[in-house]
Structures are given as structure tokens and as C-alpha cells.
PDB file of N, CA and C in Angstrom:
ATOM      1  N   MET A   1     -22.950  -8.788 -51.996  1.00  0.00           N
ATOM      2  CA  MET A   1     -23.318  -9.861 -51.952  1.00  0.00           C
ATOM      3  C   MET A   1     -21.060 -10.652 -51.767  1.00  0.00           C
ATOM      4  N   MET A   2     -20.855 -11.052 -50.716  1.00  0.00           N
ATOM      5  CA  MET A   2     -19.282 -10.728 -50.827  1.00  0.00           C
ATOM      6  C   MET A   2     -18.428 -12.476 -50.491  1.00  0.00           C
ATOM      7  N   GLU A   3     -18.159 -13.243 -51.043  1.00  0.00           N
ATOM      8  CA  GLU A   3     -16.690 -14.519 -50.479  1.00  0.00           C
ATOM      9  C   GLU A   3     -15.204 -14.553 -50.443  1.00  0.00           C
ATOM     10  N   HIS A   4     -15.027 -14.452 -49.640  1.00  0.00           N
ATOM     11  CA  HIS A   4     -13.668 -15.269 -50.225  1.00  0.00           C
ATOM     12  C   HIS A   4     -13.069 -15.498 -51.405  1.00  0.00           C
ATOM     13  N   GLY A   5     -11.870 -14.864 -52.083  1.00  0.00           N
ATOM     14  CA  GLY A   5     -12.193 -15.596 -53.223  1.00  0.00           C
ATOM     15  C   GLY A   5     -12.401 -15.566 -54.899  1.00  0.00           C
ATOM     16  N   GLU A   6     -13.322 -15.269 -54.509  1.00  0.00           N
ATOM     17  CA  GLU A   6     -13.994 -14.249 -55.657  1.00  0.00           C
ATOM     18  C   GLU A   6     -13.505 -13.619 -56.320  1.00  0.00           C
ATOM     19  N   LYS A   7     -13.172 -13.118 -58.394  1.00  0.00           N
ATOM     20  CA  LYS A   7     -13.504 -12.532 -58.511  1.00  0.00           C
ATOM     21  C   LYS A   7     -13.618 -11.044 -59.009  1.00  0.00           C
ATOM     22  N   HIS A   8     -14.004 -11.304 -59.001  1.00  0.00           N
ATOM     23  CA  HIS A   8     -16.101 -10.048 -59.423  1.00  0.00           C
ATOM     24  C   HIS A   8     -16.761  -9.871 -58.500  1.00  0.00           C
ATOM     25  N   ILE A   9     -17.339  -8.716 -58.622  1.00  0.00           N
ATOM     26  CA  ILE A   9     -18.749  -8.740 -57.399  1.00  0.00           C
ATOM     27  C   ILE A   9     -19.397  -7.256 -58.003  1.00  0.00           C
ATOM     28  N   THR A  10     -20.169  -7.611 -57.608  1.00  0.00           N
ATOM     29  CA  THR A  10     -21.393  -6.273 -58.115  1.00  0.00           C
ATOM     30  C   THR A  10     -22.267  -4.887 -56.656  1.00  0.00           C
ATOM     31  N   VAL A  11     -21.692  -4.635 -57.188  1.00  0.00           N
ATOM     32  CA  VAL A  11     -22.029  -3.138 -56.192  1.00  0.00           C
ATOM     33  C   VAL A  11     -22.760  -2.545 -56.452  1.00  0.00           C
ATOM     34  N   VAL A  12     -23.305  -2.194 -55.866  1.00  0.00           N
ATOM     35  CA  VAL A  12     -24.957  -1.446 -56.139  1.00  0.00           C
ATOM     36  C   VAL A  12     -24.539  -0.220 -55.750  1.00  0.00           C
ATOM     37  N   ASP A  13     -24.630   1.099 -55.997  1.00  0.00           N
ATOM     38  CA  ASP A  13     -24.636   2.758 -55.046  1.00  0.00           C
ATOM     39  C   ASP A  13     -25.723   2.867 -54.546  1.00  0.00           C
ATOM     40  N   GLU A  14     -25.056   4.235 -54.678  1.00  0.00           N
ATOM     41  CA  GLU A  14     -26.761   4.670 -53.141  1.00  0.00           C
ATOM     42  C   GLU A  14     -27.720   5.168 -53.871  1.00  0.00           C
ATOM     43  N   ASP A  15     -27.703   4.619 -55.385  1.00  0.00           N
ATOM     44  CA  ASP A  15     -28.705   5.491 -56.282  1.00  0.00           C
ATOM     45  C   ASP A  15     -29.352   4.094 -56.741  1.00  0.00           C
ATOM     46  N   GLY A  16     -28.728   2.847 -56.635  1.00  0.00           N
ATOM     47  CA  GLY A  16     -29.024   1.779 -57.249  1.00  0.00           C
ATOM     48  C   GLY A  16     -28.391   1.477 -58.050  1.00  0.00           C
ATOM     49  N   ASN A  17     -27.272   1.654 -58.433  1.00  0.00           N
ATOM     50  CA  ASN A  17     -26.800   1.828 -59.738  1.00  0.00           C
ATOM     51  C   ASN A  17     -26.393   0.503 -59.455  1.00  0.00           C
ATOM     52  N   GLU A  18     -26.078  -0.351 -60.020  1.00  0.00           N
ATOM     53  CA  GLU A  18     -25.428  -1.887 -60.046  1.00  0.00           C
ATOM     54  C   GLU A  18     -23.599  -1.648 -61.074  1.00  0.00           C
ATOM     55  N   GLN A  19     -22.522  -1.836 -60.647  1.00  0.00           N
ATOM     56  CA  GLN A  19     -21.528  -2.377 -61.745  1.00  0.00           C
ATOM     57  C   GLN A  19     -20.627  -3.142 -60.837  1.00  0.00           C
ATOM     58  N   LEU A  20     -20.134  -3.810 -62.619  1.00  0.00           N
ATOM     59  CA  LEU A  20     -19.244  -5.014 -62.003  1.00  0.00           C
ATOM     60  C   LEU A  20     -17.874  -4.377 -61.873  1.00  0.00           C
ATOM     61  N   CYS A  21     -17.394  -5.303 -60.698  1.00  0.00           N
ATOM     62  CA  CYS A  21     -16.549  -4.743 -60.268  1.00  0.00           C
ATOM     63  C   CYS A  21     -15.183  -5.628 -60.138  1.00  0.00           C
ATOM     64  N   GLU A  22     -13.985  -5.924 -60.278  1.00  0.00           N
ATOM     65  CA  GLU A  22     -12.384  -6.438 -59.923  1.00  0.00           C
ATOM     66  C   GLU A  22     -12.328  -6.485 -58.376  1.00  0.00           C
ATOM     67  N   VAL A  23     -12.150  -7.517 -58.016  1.00  0.00           N
ATOM     68  CA  VAL A  23     -11.653  -7.682 -56.795  1.00  0.00           C
ATOM     69  C   VAL A  23     -10.591  -8.123 -56.354  1.00  0.00           C
ATOM     70  N   LEU A  24      -9.304  -7.009 -55.689  1.00  0.00           N
ATOM     71  CA  LEU A  24      -7.891  -6.754 -55.836  1.00  0.00           C
ATOM     72  C   LEU A  24      -7.603  -7.427 -55.347  1.00  0.00           C
ATOM     73  N   PHE A  25      -7.539  -7.913 -54.152  1.00  0.00           N
ATOM     74  CA  PHE A  25      -7.252  -8.870 -52.997  1.00  0.00           C
ATOM     75  C   PHE A  25      -8.956  -8.443 -51.918  1.00  0.00           C
ATOM     76  N   THR A  26      -8.641 -10.174 -51.390  1.00  0.00           N
ATOM     77  CA  THR A  26      -9.804 -10.152 -49.466  1.00  0.00           C
ATOM     78  C   THR A  26      -8.622 -10.452 -48.533  1.00  0.00           C
ATOM     79  N   PHE A  27      -8.500  -9.276 -47.502  1.00  0.00           N
ATOM     80  CA  PHE A  27      -8.342 -10.074 -45.855  1.00  0.00           C
ATOM     81  C   PHE A  27      -8.768  -9.810 -45.719  1.00  0.00           C
ATOM     82  N   GLU A  28      -8.724 -10.650 -43.982  1.00  0.00           N
ATOM     83  CA  GLU A  28      -9.363 -10.434 -42.670  1.00  0.00           C
ATOM     84  C   GLU A  28      -8.296 -10.641 -41.830  1.00  0.00           C
ATOM     85  N   SER A  29      -8.957  -9.197 -41.155  1.00  0.00           N
ATOM     86  CA  SER A  29      -9.067  -8.986 -39.471  1.00  0.00           C
ATOM     87  C   SER A  29      -9.035  -9.294 -38.544  1.00  0.00           C
ATOM     88  N   GLU A  30      -8.524  -9.587 -37.597  1.00  0.00           N
ATOM     89  CA  GLU A  30      -8.207 -10.326 -35.940  1.00  0.00           C
ATOM     90  C   GLU A  30      -8.817  -9.075 -35.078  1.00  0.00           C
ATOM     91  N   GLU A  31      -8.113  -8.506 -34.973  1.00  0.00           N
ATOM     92  CA  GLU A  31      -8.345  -7.028 -34.553  1.00  0.00           C
ATOM     93  C   GLU A  31      -9.699  -6.293 -34.375  1.00  0.00           C
ATOM     94  N   PHE A  32     -10.618  -6.353 -35.732  1.00  0.00           N
ATOM     95  CA  PHE A  32     -11.714  -6.043 -36.341  1.00  0.00           C
ATOM     96  C   PHE A  32     -12.433  -6.896 -36.268  1.00  0.00           C
ATOM     97  N   GLY A  33     -12.257  -7.916 -36.434  1.00  0.00           N
ATOM     98  CA  GLY A  33     -13.221  -9.449 -36.503  1.00  0.00           C
ATOM     99  C   GLY A  33     -14.068  -8.754 -37.550  1.00  0.00           C
ATOM    100  N   LYS A  34     -13.124  -8.934 -38.627  1.00  0.00           N
ATOM    101  CA  LYS A  34     -14.625  -8.884 -40.339  1.00  0.00           C
ATOM    102  C   LYS A  34     -13.179  -8.671 -41.184  1.00  0.00           C
ATOM    103  N   SER A  35     -14.301  -9.108 -42.693  1.00  0.00           N
ATOM    104  CA  SER A  35     -13.257  -9.277 -43.802  1.00  0.00           C
ATOM    105  C   SER A  35     -13.822  -7.908 -44.794  1.00  0.00           C
ATOM    106  N   TYR A  36     -11.902  -7.780 -44.969  1.00  0.00           N
ATOM    107  CA  TYR A  36     -11.954  -6.700 -46.700  1.00  0.00           C
ATOM    108  C   TYR A  36     -11.827  -7.095 -47.734  1.00  0.00           C
ATOM    109  N   VAL A  37     -12.748  -6.343 -48.001  1.00  0.00           N
ATOM    110  CA  VAL A  37     -12.379  -6.528 -49.651  1.00  0.00           C
ATOM    111  C   VAL A  37     -11.682  -4.975 -50.491  1.00  0.00           C
ATOM    112  N   LEU A  38     -10.886  -5.148 -51.465  1.00  0.00           N
ATOM    113  CA  LEU A  38     -10.757  -4.255 -52.105  1.00  0.00           C
ATOM    114  C   LEU A  38     -11.021  -4.704 -53.896  1.00  0.00           C
ATOM    115  N   TYR A  39     -11.506  -3.471 -54.480  1.00  0.00           N
ATOM    116  CA  TYR A  39     -12.114  -3.472 -55.642  1.00  0.00           C
ATOM    117  C   TYR A  39     -12.184  -2.321 -56.613  1.00  0.00           C
ATOM    118  N   TYR A  40     -11.772  -2.316 -57.616  1.00  0.00           N
ATOM    119  CA  TYR A  40     -11.692  -1.114 -58.400  1.00  0.00           C
ATOM    120  C   TYR A  40     -13.336  -1.282 -59.452  1.00  0.00           C
ATOM    121  N   PRO A  41     -13.727  -0.536 -60.014  1.00  0.00           N
ATOM    122  CA  PRO A  41     -14.566  -0.770 -61.313  1.00  0.00           C
ATOM    123  C   PRO A  41     -13.959  -1.280 -62.801  1.00  0.00           C
ATOM    124  N   ILE A  42     -14.655  -2.568 -63.258  1.00  0.00           N
ATOM    125  CA  ILE A  42     -13.983  -3.241 -64.840  1.00  0.00           C
ATOM    126  C   ILE A  42     -14.274  -1.818 -65.807  1.00  0.00           C
ATOM    127  N   GLY A  43     -13.405  -1.335 -66.594  1.00  0.00           N
ATOM    128  CA  GLY A  43     -13.031  -1.083 -67.366  1.00  0.00           C
ATOM    129  C   GLY A  43     -12.897   0.604 -66.554  1.00  0.00           C
ATOM    130  N   ALA A  44     -12.652   0.911 -65.722  1.00  0.00           N
ATOM    131  CA  ALA A  44     -12.675   2.538 -65.084  1.00  0.00           C
ATOM    132  C   ALA A  44     -11.398   2.898 -65.531  1.00  0.00           C
ATOM    133  N   GLU A  45     -10.711   3.809 -65.752  1.00  0.00           N
ATOM    134  CA  GLU A  45     -10.158   4.875 -66.894  1.00  0.00           C
ATOM    135  C   GLU A  45      -9.059   4.828 -65.509  1.00  0.00           C
ATOM    136  N   GLU A  46      -7.992   4.893 -66.103  1.00  0.00           N
ATOM    137  CA  GLU A  46      -6.353   5.344 -65.407  1.00  0.00           C
ATOM    138  C   GLU A  46      -6.556   7.519 -65.131  1.00  0.00           C
ATOM    139  N   ASP A  47      -5.968   7.579 -64.504  1.00  0.00           N
ATOM    140  CA  ASP A  47      -6.607   9.511 -64.618  1.00  0.00           C
ATOM    141  C   ASP A  47      -5.334   9.477 -65.079  1.00  0.00           C
ATOM    142  N   ASP A  48      -4.769  10.615 -64.981  1.00  0.00           N
ATOM    143  CA  ASP A  48      -3.548  11.097 -65.871  1.00  0.00           C
ATOM    144  C   ASP A  48      -2.384  10.587 -64.846  1.00  0.00           C
ATOM    145  N   ASN A  49      -1.891  10.450 -63.907  1.00  0.00           N
ATOM    146  CA  ASN A  49      -0.698   9.021 -62.744  1.00  0.00           C
ATOM    147  C   ASN A  49      -1.219   7.419 -63.000  1.00  0.00           C
ATOM    148  N   GLU A  50      -1.655   7.560 -64.466  1.00  0.00           N
ATOM    149  CA  GLU A  50      -1.775   6.168 -63.892  1.00  0.00           C
ATOM    150  C   GLU A  50      -1.991   5.169 -62.995  1.00  0.00           C
ATOM    151  N   GLU A  51      -2.906   6.324 -61.813  1.00  0.00           N
ATOM    152  CA  GLU A  51      -3.843   5.487 -61.273  1.00  0.00           C
ATOM    153  C   GLU A  51      -5.118   5.123 -61.671  1.00  0.00           C
ATOM    154  N   ILE A  52      -5.688   3.750 -60.902  1.00  0.00           N
ATOM    155  CA  ILE A  52      -6.779   3.397 -60.267  1.00  0.00           C
ATOM    156  C   ILE A  52      -7.560   4.222 -59.202  1.00  0.00           C
ATOM    157  N   GLU A  53      -9.245   4.570 -59.410  1.00  0.00           N
ATOM    158  CA  GLU A  53      -9.645   4.599 -57.452  1.00  0.00           C
ATOM    159  C   GLU A  53      -9.584   3.385 -57.324  1.00  0.00           C
ATOM    160  N   ILE A  54      -9.314   3.492 -56.619  1.00  0.00           N
ATOM    161  CA  ILE A  54      -9.165   1.224 -55.105  1.00  0.00           C
ATOM    162  C   ILE A  54     -10.644   2.310 -54.928  1.00  0.00           C
ATOM    163  N   HIS A  55     -11.829   0.906 -54.129  1.00  0.00           N
ATOM    164  CA  HIS A  55     -12.634   1.500 -53.342  1.00  0.00           C
ATOM    165  C   HIS A  55     -12.079  -0.220 -51.852  1.00  0.00           C
ATOM    166  N   ALA A  56     -13.012  -0.053 -50.974  1.00  0.00           N
ATOM    167  CA  ALA A  56     -12.594  -1.067 -49.611  1.00  0.00           C
ATOM    168  C   ALA A  56     -14.398  -0.648 -49.370  1.00  0.00           C
ATOM    169  N   SER A  57     -14.185  -1.977 -48.600  1.00  0.00           N
ATOM    170  CA  SER A  57     -15.501  -2.752 -47.465  1.00  0.00           C
ATOM    171  C   SER A  57     -15.633  -3.372 -47.257  1.00  0.00           C
ATOM    172  N   SER A  58     -16.171  -3.579 -45.895  1.00  0.00           N
ATOM    173  CA  SER A  58     -15.964  -4.290 -45.686  1.00  0.00           C
ATOM    174  C   SER A  58     -16.801  -5.883 -45.290  1.00  0.00           C
ATOM    175  N   PHE A  59     -17.211  -6.955 -44.732  1.00  0.00           N
ATOM    176  CA  PHE A  59     -17.912  -7.851 -44.770  1.00  0.00           C
ATOM    177  C   PHE A  59     -18.258  -8.929 -43.963  1.00  0.00           C
ATOM    178  N   ILE A  60     -19.019  -9.532 -43.519  1.00  0.00           N
ATOM    179  CA  ILE A  60     -18.572 -10.407 -42.574  1.00  0.00           C
ATOM    180  C   ILE A  60     -19.538 -12.377 -43.197  1.00  0.00           C
ATOM    181  N   PRO A  61     -18.080 -12.961 -43.292  1.00  0.00           N
ATOM    182  CA  PRO A  61     -18.956 -14.154 -44.275  1.00  0.00           C
ATOM    183  C   PRO A  61     -19.853 -15.124 -44.393  1.00  0.00           C
ATOM    184  N   GLY A  62     -20.487 -14.800 -44.720  1.00  0.00           N
ATOM    185  CA  GLY A  62     -21.635 -15.779 -44.074  1.00  0.00           C
ATOM    186  C   GLY A  62     -21.630 -17.237 -43.666  1.00  0.00           C
ATOM    187  N   GLU A  63     -22.207 -17.843 -42.722  1.00  0.00           N
ATOM    188  CA  GLU A  63     -22.160 -19.143 -43.019  1.00  0.00           C
ATOM    189  C   GLU A  63     -22.993 -20.312 -43.890  1.00  0.00           C
ATOM    190  N   ASP A  64     -22.634 -21.495 -43.987  1.00  0.00           N
ATOM    191  CA  ASP A  64     -22.616 -22.279 -44.651  1.00  0.00           C
ATOM    192  C   ASP A  64     -22.672 -21.425 -46.795  1.00  0.00           C
ATOM    193  N   GLY A  65     -21.782 -21.192 -46.353  1.00  0.00           N
ATOM    194  CA  GLY A  65     -20.943 -21.169 -47.716  1.00  0.00           C
ATOM    195  C   GLY A  65     -22.394 -19.295 -47.933  1.00  0.00           C
ATOM    196  N   GLN A  66     -22.534 -19.120 -47.454  1.00  0.00           N
ATOM    197  CA  GLN A  66     -23.105 -17.781 -47.800  1.00  0.00           C
ATOM    198  C   GLN A  66     -22.679 -16.052 -47.883  1.00  0.00           C
ATOM    199  N   ALA A  67     -23.115 -15.859 -48.906  1.00  0.00           N
ATOM    200  CA  ALA A  67     -21.937 -14.484 -49.253  1.00  0.00           C
ATOM    201  C   ALA A  67     -22.240 -13.459 -48.365  1.00  0.00           C
ATOM    202  N   GLY A  68     -21.886 -12.705 -47.804  1.00  0.00           N
ATOM    203  CA  GLY A  68     -21.994 -11.621 -47.292  1.00  0.00           C
ATOM    204  C   GLY A  68     -21.852  -9.954 -48.023  1.00  0.00           C
ATOM    205  N   GLU A  69     -22.708  -9.163 -47.195  1.00  0.00           N
ATOM    206  CA  GLU A  69     -23.237  -8.918 -47.654  1.00  0.00           C
ATOM    207  C   GLU A  69     -21.886  -6.698 -47.563  1.00  0.00           C
ATOM    208  N   LEU A  70     -21.648  -6.674 -48.105  1.00  0.00           N
ATOM    209  CA  LEU A  70     -20.849  -5.238 -48.375  1.00  0.00           C
ATOM    210  C   LEU A  70     -21.217  -4.596 -47.266  1.00  0.00           C
ATOM    211  N   GLN A  71     -20.336  -3.270 -46.020  1.00  0.00           N
ATOM    212  CA  GLN A  71     -20.204  -2.894 -45.036  1.00  0.00           C
ATOM    213  C   GLN A  71     -19.731  -1.797 -45.323  1.00  0.00           C
ATOM    214  N   PRO A  72     -19.775  -0.744 -45.430  1.00  0.00           N
ATOM    215  CA  PRO A  72     -18.853   0.530 -45.372  1.00  0.00           C
ATOM    216  C   PRO A  72     -18.005   0.082 -43.938  1.00  0.00           C
ATOM    217  N   ILE A  73     -16.702   1.113 -44.544  1.00  0.00           N
ATOM    218  CA  ILE A  73     -15.789   1.305 -43.698  1.00  0.00           C
ATOM    219  C   ILE A  73     -16.239   1.629 -42.361  1.00  0.00           C
ATOM    220  N   GLU A  74     -16.013   1.870 -41.285  1.00  0.00           N
ATOM    221  CA  GLU A  74     -16.738   2.609 -40.432  1.00  0.00           C
ATOM    222  C   GLU A  74     -15.660   4.034 -39.204  1.00  0.00           C
ATOM    223  N   THR A  75     -14.483   3.447 -39.069  1.00  0.00           N
ATOM    224  CA  THR A  75     -13.044   4.101 -38.087  1.00  0.00           C
ATOM    225  C   THR A  75     -12.211   4.459 -38.787  1.00  0.00           C
ATOM    226  N   GLU A  76     -11.949   5.376 -38.814  1.00  0.00           N
ATOM    227  CA  GLU A  76     -10.010   5.761 -39.387  1.00  0.00           C
ATOM    228  C   GLU A  76      -9.045   4.623 -38.659  1.00  0.00           C
ATOM    229  N   GLU A  77      -9.336   4.336 -37.461  1.00  0.00           N
ATOM    230  CA  GLU A  77      -8.585   2.868 -38.007  1.00  0.00           C
ATOM    231  C   GLU A  77      -7.860   1.906 -38.386  1.00  0.00           C
ATOM    232  N   GLU A  78      -9.585   2.057 -38.892  1.00  0.00           N
ATOM    233  CA  GLU A  78      -9.740   0.661 -40.029  1.00  0.00           C
ATOM    234  C   GLU A  78      -9.047   0.722 -41.164  1.00  0.00           C
ATOM    235  N   TRP A  79      -9.427   2.147 -41.721  1.00  0.00           N
ATOM    236  CA  TRP A  79      -9.212   2.854 -43.304  1.00  0.00           C
ATOM    237  C   TRP A  79      -7.093   2.555 -42.839  1.00  0.00           C
ATOM    238  N   ASP A  80      -6.612   3.704 -41.655  1.00  0.00           N
ATOM    239  CA  ASP A  80      -4.623   3.410 -41.667  1.00  0.00           C
ATOM    240  C   ASP A  80      -4.671   1.841 -42.573  1.00  0.00           C
ATOM    241  N   MET A  81      -5.177   0.639 -41.122  1.00  0.00           N
ATOM    242  CA  MET A  81      -4.894  -0.712 -41.456  1.00  0.00           C
ATOM    243  C   MET A  81      -5.093  -0.689 -43.704  1.00  0.00           C
ATOM    244  N   ILE A  82      -6.569  -0.539 -43.344  1.00  0.00           N
ATOM    245  CA  ILE A  82      -6.821  -0.627 -45.125  1.00  0.00           C
ATOM    246  C   ILE A  82      -5.441  -0.697 -45.393  1.00  0.00           C
ATOM    247  N   GLU A  83      -5.691   0.799 -45.890  1.00  0.00           N
ATOM    248  CA  GLU A  83      -3.697   1.745 -46.598  1.00  0.00           C
ATOM    249  C   GLU A  83      -2.697   0.928 -46.473  1.00  0.00           C
ATOM    250  N   GLU A  84      -2.896   0.627 -45.003  1.00  0.00           N
ATOM    251  CA  GLU A  84      -1.391  -0.059 -44.893  1.00  0.00           C
ATOM    252  C   GLU A  84      -0.652  -1.690 -45.629  1.00  0.00           C
ATOM    253  N   MET A  85      -2.165  -2.554 -45.483  1.00  0.00           N
ATOM    254  CA  MET A  85      -2.119  -3.297 -46.382  1.00  0.00           C
ATOM    255  C   MET A  85      -2.566  -2.825 -47.966  1.00  0.00           C
ATOM    256  N   LEU A  86      -3.475  -2.352 -48.744  1.00  0.00           N
ATOM    257  CA  LEU A  86      -2.880  -1.863 -49.450  1.00  0.00           C
ATOM    258  C   LEU A  86      -1.910  -1.910 -50.157  1.00  0.00           C
ATOM    259  N   ASN A  87      -0.314  -1.016 -48.989  1.00  0.00           N
ATOM    260  CA  ASN A  87       0.884  -0.605 -49.660  1.00  0.00           C
ATOM    261  C   ASN A  87       1.659  -1.647 -49.569  1.00  0.00           C
ATOM    262  N   THR A  88       0.996  -2.297 -48.841  1.00  0.00           N
ATOM    263  CA  THR A  88       2.502  -3.696 -48.874  1.00  0.00           C
ATOM    264  C   THR A  88       1.917  -4.768 -50.247  1.00  0.00           C
ATOM    265  N   PHE A  89       0.182  -4.490 -50.114  1.00  0.00           N
ATOM    266  CA  PHE A  89       0.212  -6.037 -51.399  1.00  0.00           C
ATOM    267  C   PHE A  89       0.399  -4.784 -53.047  1.00  0.00           C
ATOM    268  N   LEU A  90       0.254  -3.928 -53.041  1.00  0.00           N
ATOM    269  CA  LEU A  90       0.801  -2.952 -54.097  1.00  0.00           C
ATOM    270  C   LEU A  90       2.690  -3.104 -54.025  1.00  0.00           C
ATOM    271  N   GLY A  91       3.376  -3.287 -53.032  1.00  0.00           N
ATOM    272  CA  GLY A  91       4.671  -3.320 -53.104  1.00  0.00           C
ATOM    273  C   GLY A  91       5.292  -4.666 -53.624  1.00  0.00           C
ATOM    274  N   GLU A  92       4.954  -5.460 -53.256  1.00  0.00           N
ATOM    275  CA  GLU A  92       4.499  -7.110 -53.601  1.00  0.00           C
ATOM    276  C   GLU A  92       4.152  -7.091 -54.530  1.00  0.00           C
ATOM    277  N   GLU A  93       3.276  -6.544 -55.154  1.00  0.00           N
ATOM    278  CA  GLU A  93       2.974  -6.455 -56.765  1.00  0.00           C
ATOM    279  C   GLU A  93       4.119  -5.940 -57.892  1.00  0.00           C
ATOM    280  N   GLU A  94       5.036  -5.203 -56.639  1.00  0.00           N
ATOM    281  CA  GLU A  94       5.388  -3.788 -57.901  1.00  0.00           C
ATOM    282  C   GLU A  94       6.631  -5.043 -58.170  1.00  0.00           C
ATOM    283  N   GLU A  95       6.792  -5.848 -56.731  1.00  0.00           N
ATOM    284  CA  GLU A  95       8.463  -6.635 -56.750  1.00  0.00           C
ATOM    285  C   GLU A  95       8.183  -7.710 -57.557  1.00  0.00           C
ATOM    286  N   ASP A  96       7.328  -8.119 -57.557  1.00  0.00           N
ATOM    287  CA  ASP A  96       7.047  -9.376 -58.532  1.00  0.00           C
ATOM    288  C   ASP A  96       6.937  -9.550 -60.311  1.00  0.00           C
ATOM    289  N   GLU A  97       6.953  -7.987 -60.517  1.00  0.00           N
ATOM    290  CA  GLU A  97       7.206  -7.631 -62.349  1.00  0.00           C
ATOM    291  C   GLU A  97       8.202  -6.966 -62.605  1.00  0.00           C
ATOM    292  N   GLU A  98       9.255  -7.326 -60.965  1.00  0.00           N
ATOM    293  CA  GLU A  98      10.637  -7.268 -62.095  1.00  0.00           C
ATOM    294  C   GLU A  98      11.795  -8.347 -62.117  1.00  0.00           C
TER     295      GLU A  98
END
């Protein structure tokens, strides 16, 4: 389940295991008519390059304040758009740190 503005979500993998994740950011795409969330598992260890694996899913916000179900990203075009949004977000984060 997902709504805009949430800080944490619980993701259930294909094996039925639940994992608490921190939301990096959410955004809407008029082009694809969906909302997207980028997130990472809480407690995820940085790899040797000090990078954390970031996951992405789409969701359609529910009506009447109901949370939307996370869905997999379906097309290469969506992945390209998400990557561009992530790069923009990370670039802004670096500017804020300076």
C-alpha cells in the first residue's frame, strides 16, 4: 500500500517476506498516468562504492485517502524516466550539502 507523503512502506517480496523500507521520494507522471515511489530497505548496507540499492515501483493512489498497491515498472520508457528523475533528485541533494 502506498500514498504520497509516506516516509516508510512495507514491501512484500515474491516469497511473502515483509521488509520495511524508507521512501526516498514520490512523484507523478502525466505521461504514464501513474505515481512512482523510490525506496530502499531500512538498514540496507552501503556497498564498497558507498551506494545503497534503490528500488522503484509505480502506484495509482486510491480514492478517498485509500493507499494504492505497488506495481512493478513495466516498460523501458518508464525506467528511463525514473532514472532521469532519480539523477535530478540526487543532483539536488548534492547541491544542498554544499
